[in-house]
């Protein structure tokens, strides 16, 4: 009886990564299905609903950026790597790194163009969450690093497209 319990414990231990991998894969698949089904709007990227998708630290960076309005850095959807999309032919593969982290490799067609997105996943008490997204142009977290760009000074006079006032004598 003791041998059966030990075997069952070992079996559970050795199969846990495959189960964890499947949960992470389903989590990512469900995210991407929101881009493909219904209205295809995708997942919420800001506010409280985004906490069901992103880790708290990444959600805080995205929320802070969103409050900048027109000066925000993230002006696209990081899951689609685009501002507008038509996603088809979805493929999701997840590689476990350890029991609480994994890397998701997502590929899809967007209007016939192949896109690839790599997603860092972290298992939290609430379940799997996205901790970073990498697209060919870089990582999402890197987008928020460094000081905000200095806005250009407004152009005045003839350079702004207003006619110059002729000098009077």
Protein backbone atom coordinates (compact mmCIF):
# COMPACT_ATOMS: atom_id res chain seq x y z
CA UNK A 1 0.00 0.00 0.00
CA UNK A 2 2.84 2.35 0.88
CA UNK A 3 4.50 1.60 -2.48
CA UNK A 4 1.26 2.54 -4.30
CA UNK A 5 1.11 5.88 -2.47
CA UNK A 6 4.74 6.62 -3.28
CA UNK A 7 4.16 5.70 -6.94
CA UNK A 8 1.03 7.87 -7.10
CA UNK A 9 2.91 10.80 -5.54
CA UNK A 10 5.78 10.44 -8.01
CA UNK A 11 3.36 10.13 -10.92
CA UNK A 12 1.58 13.31 -9.84
CA UNK A 13 4.91 15.13 -9.47
CA UNK A 14 6.21 14.10 -12.89
CA UNK A 15 2.97 14.82 -14.74
CA UNK A 16 2.45 18.25 -13.14
CA UNK A 17 4.51 20.17 -15.74
CA UNK A 18 2.46 18.72 -18.60
CA UNK A 19 -0.75 19.70 -16.81
CA UNK A 20 0.64 23.15 -16.03
CA UNK A 21 1.70 23.50 -19.66
CA UNK A 22 -1.80 22.59 -20.85
CA UNK A 23 -3.41 25.16 -18.52
CA UNK A 24 -1.05 27.85 -19.86
CA UNK A 25 -1.78 26.83 -23.45
CA UNK A 26 -5.52 26.98 -22.86
CA UNK A 27 -5.12 30.38 -21.18
CA UNK A 28 -3.32 31.76 -24.25
CA UNK A 29 -5.69 30.07 -26.67
CA UNK A 30 -8.66 31.62 -24.88
CA UNK A 31 -7.05 35.06 -25.11
CA UNK A 32 -6.55 34.71 -28.85
CA UNK A 33 -10.04 33.34 -29.44
CA UNK A 34 -11.38 36.74 -28.33
CA UNK A 35 -9.58 38.19 -31.36
CA UNK A 36 -11.11 35.64 -33.70
CA UNK A 37 -14.68 35.12 -32.50
CA UNK A 38 -17.68 37.37 -31.98
CA UNK A 39 -16.78 41.01 -32.50
CA UNK A 40 -13.07 40.11 -32.50
CA UNK A 41 -12.17 43.03 -30.22
CA UNK A 42 -9.70 40.99 -28.17
CA UNK A 43 -9.09 41.20 -24.44
CA UNK A 44 -9.25 44.35 -22.31
CA UNK A 45 -5.80 45.90 -22.11
CA UNK A 46 -6.47 48.37 -19.29
CA UNK A 47 -8.38 48.69 -16.04
CA UNK A 48 -9.55 45.99 -13.66
CA UNK A 49 -10.51 43.45 -16.38
CA UNK A 50 -6.92 43.49 -17.66
CA UNK A 51 -5.81 42.02 -14.31
CA UNK A 52 -7.35 38.74 -15.54
CA UNK A 53 -4.83 38.75 -18.38
CA UNK A 54 -1.67 40.52 -17.17
CA UNK A 55 0.46 40.26 -14.04
CA UNK A 56 -0.17 43.13 -11.65
CA UNK A 57 3.19 44.74 -12.48
CA UNK A 58 2.62 44.70 -16.26
CA UNK A 59 -1.00 45.85 -15.89
CA UNK A 60 0.22 48.80 -13.78
CA UNK A 61 2.70 49.82 -16.51
CA UNK A 62 0.01 49.61 -19.19
CA UNK A 63 -2.52 51.56 -17.08
CA UNK A 64 0.03 54.30 -16.31
CA UNK A 65 0.88 54.56 -20.01
CA UNK A 66 -2.80 54.70 -21.00
CA UNK A 67 -3.36 57.71 -18.71
CA UNK A 68 -0.93 59.71 -20.86
CA UNK A 69 -3.56 59.97 -23.57
CA UNK A 70 -2.12 60.97 -26.93
CA UNK A 71 1.43 60.75 -25.51
CA UNK A 72 1.09 57.08 -24.58
CA UNK A 73 3.69 54.68 -25.92
CA UNK A 74 1.48 51.61 -26.46
CA UNK A 75 -0.69 52.61 -29.40
CA UNK A 76 -1.38 49.08 -30.66
CA UNK A 77 -2.62 45.75 -29.34
CA UNK A 78 0.41 43.73 -28.21
CA UNK A 79 -1.30 40.36 -28.68
CA UNK A 80 -2.09 41.09 -32.33
CA UNK A 81 1.05 43.22 -32.82
CA UNK A 82 -1.21 45.58 -34.77
CA UNK A 83 -3.78 48.34 -34.47
CA UNK A 84 -6.32 46.41 -36.54
CA UNK A 85 -6.39 42.69 -37.21
CA UNK A 86 -8.08 39.77 -38.86
CA UNK A 87 -6.59 36.73 -37.13
CA UNK A 88 -6.87 33.22 -38.56
CA UNK A 89 -4.84 30.00 -38.49
CA UNK A 90 -3.93 30.24 -34.80
CA UNK A 91 -1.19 28.04 -33.34
CA UNK A 92 -0.25 28.09 -29.65
CA UNK A 93 2.70 26.19 -28.19
CA UNK A 94 3.78 26.54 -24.56
CA UNK A 95 7.16 25.50 -23.19
CA UNK A 96 7.35 25.24 -19.39
CA UNK A 97 10.40 26.87 -17.82
CA UNK A 98 9.54 25.71 -14.31
CA UNK A 99 6.25 25.01 -12.46
CA UNK A 100 5.35 28.74 -12.26
CA UNK A 101 6.72 30.18 -15.51
CA UNK A 102 6.34 29.30 -19.16
CA UNK A 103 6.99 30.73 -22.61
CA UNK A 104 4.14 30.82 -25.09
CA UNK A 105 4.91 30.83 -28.80
CA UNK A 106 1.90 32.06 -30.76
CA UNK A 107 1.69 32.23 -34.52
CA UNK A 108 -1.22 33.26 -36.69
CA UNK A 109 -2.16 34.84 -39.97
CA UNK A 110 -3.28 38.46 -39.86
CA UNK A 111 -4.90 39.38 -43.16
CA UNK A 112 -2.74 36.70 -44.79
CA UNK A 113 0.53 37.88 -43.18
CA UNK A 114 2.27 35.52 -40.75
CA UNK A 115 2.82 36.98 -37.29
CA UNK A 116 4.72 35.46 -34.38
CA UNK A 117 4.38 36.57 -30.76
CA UNK A 118 6.30 35.19 -27.77
CA UNK A 119 4.62 35.57 -24.40
CA UNK A 120 6.18 35.22 -20.94
CA UNK A 121 3.69 33.60 -18.59
CA UNK A 122 3.66 33.49 -14.81
CA UNK A 123 1.39 31.31 -12.71
CA UNK A 124 -0.11 33.41 -9.92
CA UNK A 125 -2.57 32.49 -7.18
CA UNK A 126 -5.29 33.59 -9.59
CA UNK A 127 -3.95 31.46 -12.47
CA UNK A 128 -1.74 32.11 -15.48
CA UNK A 129 -1.00 35.73 -16.36
CA UNK A 130 1.00 37.44 -19.11
CA UNK A 131 4.19 39.05 -17.75
CA UNK A 132 5.68 40.26 -21.03
CA UNK A 133 5.06 40.07 -24.77
CA UNK A 134 7.79 39.94 -27.41
CA UNK A 135 7.17 40.80 -31.05
CA UNK A 136 9.76 41.35 -33.79
CA UNK A 137 10.10 45.04 -32.80
CA UNK A 138 10.89 44.28 -29.15
CA UNK A 139 9.41 43.54 -25.75
CA UNK A 140 6.35 45.24 -24.30
CA UNK A 141 8.08 46.05 -20.99
CA UNK A 142 10.92 47.75 -22.89
CA UNK A 143 8.38 50.07 -24.46
CA UNK A 144 7.74 51.60 -21.04
CA UNK A 145 11.39 51.94 -19.99
CA UNK A 146 13.26 55.23 -19.87
CA UNK A 147 11.99 58.77 -19.62
CA UNK A 148 9.01 59.92 -21.60
CA UNK A 149 9.97 61.58 -24.86
CA UNK A 150 10.06 65.36 -24.72
CA UNK A 151 7.24 66.79 -26.80
CA UNK A 152 8.28 69.01 -29.64
CA UNK A 153 7.71 72.72 -29.14
CA UNK A 154 4.85 74.13 -31.18
CA UNK A 155 5.89 75.83 -34.36
CA UNK A 156 4.74 79.41 -34.78
CA UNK A 157 4.67 81.99 -37.54
CA UNK A 158 5.35 81.11 -41.16
CA UNK A 159 6.72 77.69 -40.17
CA UNK A 160 3.31 76.76 -38.74
CA UNK A 161 1.54 77.37 -42.00
CA UNK A 162 0.18 80.79 -41.06
CA UNK A 163 1.08 83.61 -43.37
CA UNK A 164 3.80 85.91 -42.13
CA UNK A 165 2.64 89.42 -41.32
CA UNK A 166 4.25 91.91 -43.70
CA UNK A 167 6.43 94.51 -42.03
CA UNK A 168 5.03 98.05 -42.03
CA UNK A 169 7.12 101.20 -42.20
